Amino acid sequence: LYEKVFGIIIVVFGAIFFAAILGNITAMINSFDKSNAQLRDINATLTKLMTRANAPTKLQNRVFLFVQTHMAMTKGIDTQRILSRVPPALRGDILEAIFSDIVHCCPMLKGISTECVRVL
């Protein structure tokens, strides 16, 4: 009797564990597909716009290259929209953290105080 109860408990825990792993993998795949779907939608919209406007091929290539580069850099996150909802003091801290490596690499900005850099 105890062996049957133990076996049932192990099977139930195994099924729960399998469902949790499968759910996490599905969530990861959906997050990858979401960013790809966003890029596909932007490309489809741009293709319609470029064909309707009879834009030159060279210009079309430049626009598509910009969109792909922008999506690769930002990962589809609209930084301006997010930062517009944040209080100004916190926004300054966030931007300082994001761009601190750029500020420290620039020789022209090395002697400037942090308050002045935050205003920039």
C-alpha atoms as a PDB file:
ATOM      1  CA  LEU A   1       0.000   0.000   0.000  1.00  0.00           C
ATOM      2  CA  TYR A   2       2.791   2.431   0.897  1.00  0.00           C
ATOM      3  CA  GLU A   3       4.570   1.707  -2.356  1.00  0.00           C
ATOM      4  CA  LYS A   4       1.478   2.653  -4.375  1.00  0.00           C
ATOM      5  CA  VAL A   5       1.035   5.942  -2.469  1.00  0.00           C
ATOM      6  CA  PHE A   6       4.730   6.731  -2.877  1.00  0.00           C
ATOM      7  CA  GLY A   7       4.544   5.942  -6.598  1.00  0.00           C
ATOM      8  CA  ILE A   8       1.474   8.153  -7.049  1.00  0.00           C
ATOM      9  CA  ILE A   9       3.170  11.061  -5.239  1.00  0.00           C
ATOM     10  CA  ILE A  10       6.304  10.706  -7.374  1.00  0.00           C
ATOM     11  CA  VAL A  11       4.233  10.640 -10.587  1.00  0.00           C
ATOM     12  CA  VAL A  12       2.272  13.752  -9.534  1.00  0.00           C
ATOM     13  CA  PHE A  13       5.437  15.667  -8.618  1.00  0.00           C
ATOM     14  CA  GLY A  14       7.044  14.575 -11.882  1.00  0.00           C
ATOM     15  CA  ALA A  15       4.062  15.835 -13.864  1.00  0.00           C
ATOM     16  CA  ILE A  16       4.119  19.185 -12.018  1.00  0.00           C
ATOM     17  CA  PHE A  17       7.862  19.535 -12.559  1.00  0.00           C
ATOM     18  CA  PHE A  18       7.504  18.714 -16.261  1.00  0.00           C
ATOM     19  CA  ALA A  19       4.652  21.231 -16.648  1.00  0.00           C
ATOM     20  CA  ALA A  20       6.742  23.949 -14.957  1.00  0.00           C
ATOM     21  CA  ILE A  21       9.717  23.334 -17.233  1.00  0.00           C
ATOM     22  CA  LEU A  22       7.523  23.221 -20.323  1.00  0.00           C
ATOM     23  CA  GLY A  23       5.785  26.458 -19.291  1.00  0.00           C
ATOM     24  CA  ASN A  24       9.103  28.272 -18.823  1.00  0.00           C
ATOM     25  CA  ILE A  25      10.405  27.109 -22.191  1.00  0.00           C
ATOM     26  CA  THR A  26       7.172  28.221 -23.857  1.00  0.00           C
ATOM     27  CA  ALA A  27       7.448  31.653 -22.222  1.00  0.00           C
ATOM     28  CA  MET A  28      11.031  32.025 -23.493  1.00  0.00           C
ATOM     29  CA  ILE A  29      10.033  31.094 -27.034  1.00  0.00           C
ATOM     30  CA  ASN A  30       7.117  33.548 -26.937  1.00  0.00           C
ATOM     31  CA  SER A  31       9.371  36.386 -25.778  1.00  0.00           C
ATOM     32  CA  PHE A  32      11.771  35.708 -28.666  1.00  0.00           C
ATOM     33  CA  ASP A  33       8.890  35.515 -31.111  1.00  0.00           C
ATOM     34  CA  LYS A  34       7.386  38.763 -29.793  1.00  0.00           C
ATOM     35  CA  SER A  35      10.473  40.807 -30.640  1.00  0.00           C
ATOM     36  CA  ASN A  36      10.752  39.104 -34.040  1.00  0.00           C
ATOM     37  CA  ALA A  37       7.070  39.761 -34.731  1.00  0.00           C
ATOM     38  CA  GLN A  38       7.567  43.422 -33.868  1.00  0.00           C
ATOM     39  CA  LEU A  39      10.461  43.634 -36.328  1.00  0.00           C
ATOM     40  CA  ARG A  40       8.416  41.849 -39.012  1.00  0.00           C
ATOM     41  CA  ASP A  41       5.523  44.286 -38.515  1.00  0.00           C
ATOM     42  CA  ILE A  42       7.822  47.294 -38.825  1.00  0.00           C
ATOM     43  CA  ASN A  43       9.454  45.855 -41.944  1.00  0.00           C
ATOM     44  CA  ALA A  44       6.060  45.113 -43.527  1.00  0.00           C
ATOM     45  CA  THR A  45       4.857  48.643 -42.821  1.00  0.00           C
ATOM     46  CA  LEU A  46       8.054  50.144 -44.206  1.00  0.00           C
ATOM     47  CA  THR A  47       7.842  47.964 -47.316  1.00  0.00           C
ATOM     48  CA  LYS A  48       4.311  49.198 -48.008  1.00  0.00           C
ATOM     49  CA  LEU A  49       5.387  52.800 -47.433  1.00  0.00           C
ATOM     50  CA  MET A  50       8.453  52.542 -49.642  1.00  0.00           C
ATOM     51  CA  THR A  51       6.592  50.895 -52.523  1.00  0.00           C
ATOM     52  CA  ARG A  52       3.740  53.383 -52.322  1.00  0.00           C
ATOM     53  CA  ALA A  53       6.197  56.302 -52.285  1.00  0.00           C
ATOM     54  CA  ASN A  54       8.323  54.793 -55.096  1.00  0.00           C
ATOM     55  CA  ALA A  55      11.441  55.340 -53.007  1.00  0.00           C
ATOM     56  CA  PRO A  56      14.781  54.497 -54.623  1.00  0.00           C
ATOM     57  CA  THR A  57      16.292  51.131 -53.761  1.00  0.00           C
ATOM     58  CA  LYS A  58      19.315  52.731 -52.124  1.00  0.00           C
ATOM     59  CA  LEU A  59      17.069  54.722 -49.775  1.00  0.00           C
ATOM     60  CA  GLN A  60      15.008  51.618 -48.980  1.00  0.00           C
ATOM     61  CA  ASN A  61      18.154  49.714 -48.059  1.00  0.00           C
ATOM     62  CA  ARG A  62      19.312  52.539 -45.794  1.00  0.00           C
ATOM     63  CA  VAL A  63      15.950  52.673 -44.025  1.00  0.00           C
ATOM     64  CA  PHE A  64      15.807  48.907 -43.485  1.00  0.00           C
ATOM     65  CA  LEU A  65      19.394  48.864 -42.257  1.00  0.00           C
ATOM     66  CA  PHE A  66      18.580  51.649 -39.780  1.00  0.00           C
ATOM     67  CA  VAL A  67      15.524  49.787 -38.466  1.00  0.00           C
ATOM     68  CA  GLN A  68      17.453  46.546 -38.043  1.00  0.00           C
ATOM     69  CA  THR A  69      20.302  48.338 -36.273  1.00  0.00           C
ATOM     70  CA  HIS A  70      17.910  50.243 -34.040  1.00  0.00           C
ATOM     71  CA  MET A  71      16.070  47.056 -33.057  1.00  0.00           C
ATOM     72  CA  ALA A  72      19.359  45.287 -32.361  1.00  0.00           C
ATOM     73  CA  MET A  73      20.544  48.138 -30.154  1.00  0.00           C
ATOM     74  CA  THR A  74      17.316  48.784 -28.236  1.00  0.00           C
ATOM     75  CA  LYS A  75      15.886  45.238 -28.269  1.00  0.00           C
ATOM     76  CA  GLY A  76      12.505  46.784 -29.124  1.00  0.00           C
ATOM     77  CA  ILE A  77      12.329  48.863 -25.943  1.00  0.00           C
ATOM     78  CA  ASP A  78      11.051  52.415 -26.358  1.00  0.00           C
ATOM     79  CA  THR A  79      13.370  54.208 -23.945  1.00  0.00           C
ATOM     80  CA  GLN A  80      11.854  57.653 -24.474  1.00  0.00           C
ATOM     81  CA  ARG A  81       8.330  56.463 -23.670  1.00  0.00           C
ATOM     82  CA  ILE A  82       9.492  54.712 -20.509  1.00  0.00           C
ATOM     83  CA  LEU A  83      11.617  57.621 -19.315  1.00  0.00           C
ATOM     84  CA  SER A  84       8.828  60.125 -19.942  1.00  0.00           C
ATOM     85  CA  ARG A  85       6.812  58.454 -17.172  1.00  0.00           C
ATOM     86  CA  VAL A  86       9.654  58.564 -14.640  1.00  0.00           C
ATOM     87  CA  PRO A  87      10.194  61.582 -12.322  1.00  0.00           C
ATOM     88  CA  PRO A  88      12.971  63.920 -13.538  1.00  0.00           C
ATOM     89  CA  ALA A  89      15.386  63.157 -10.672  1.00  0.00           C
ATOM     90  CA  LEU A  90      15.108  59.418 -11.234  1.00  0.00           C
ATOM     91  CA  ARG A  91      15.316  59.935 -15.010  1.00  0.00           C
ATOM     92  CA  GLY A  92      18.663  61.694 -14.529  1.00  0.00           C
ATOM     93  CA  ASP A  93      19.974  58.805 -12.442  1.00  0.00           C
ATOM     94  CA  ILE A  94      18.848  56.256 -15.038  1.00  0.00           C
ATOM     95  CA  LEU A  95      20.381  58.168 -17.947  1.00  0.00           C
ATOM     96  CA  GLU A  96      23.589  58.688 -15.991  1.00  0.00           C
ATOM     97  CA  ALA A  97      23.829  54.949 -15.369  1.00  0.00           C
ATOM     98  CA  ILE A  98      23.096  54.116 -19.016  1.00  0.00           C
ATOM     99  CA  PHE A  99      25.535  56.580 -20.556  1.00  0.00           C
ATOM    100  CA  SER A 100      28.244  56.704 -17.865  1.00  0.00           C
ATOM    101  CA  ASP A 101      30.734  54.713 -19.950  1.00  0.00           C
ATOM    102  CA  ILE A 102      30.328  57.132 -22.872  1.00  0.00           C
ATOM    103  CA  VAL A 103      30.803  60.146 -20.606  1.00  0.00           C
ATOM    104  CA  HIS A 104      33.917  58.700 -18.988  1.00  0.00           C
ATOM    105  CA  CYS A 105      35.465  57.839 -22.375  1.00  0.00           C
ATOM    106  CA  CYS A 106      35.004  61.335 -23.782  1.00  0.00           C
ATOM    107  CA  PRO A 107      38.075  63.492 -22.975  1.00  0.00           C
ATOM    108  CA  MET A 108      36.065  66.692 -23.322  1.00  0.00           C
ATOM    109  CA  LEU A 109      33.712  65.687 -20.474  1.00  0.00           C
ATOM    110  CA  LYS A 110      36.325  64.415 -17.986  1.00  0.00           C
ATOM    111  CA  GLY A 111      36.631  67.607 -15.947  1.00  0.00           C
ATOM    112  CA  ILE A 112      32.916  68.408 -15.841  1.00  0.00           C
ATOM    113  CA  SER A 113      30.931  67.885 -12.631  1.00  0.00           C
ATOM    114  CA  THR A 114      28.272  65.182 -12.445  1.00  0.00           C
ATOM    115  CA  GLU A 115      25.503  67.795 -12.139  1.00  0.00           C
ATOM    116  CA  CYS A 116      26.584  69.366 -15.426  1.00  0.00           C
ATOM    117  CA  VAL A 117      26.800  65.980 -17.127  1.00  0.00           C
ATOM    118  CA  ARG A 118      23.318  65.131 -15.821  1.00  0.00           C
ATOM    119  CA  VAL A 119      21.943  68.302 -17.429  1.00  0.00           C
ATOM    120  CA  LEU A 120      23.487  67.276 -20.753  1.00  0.00           C
END
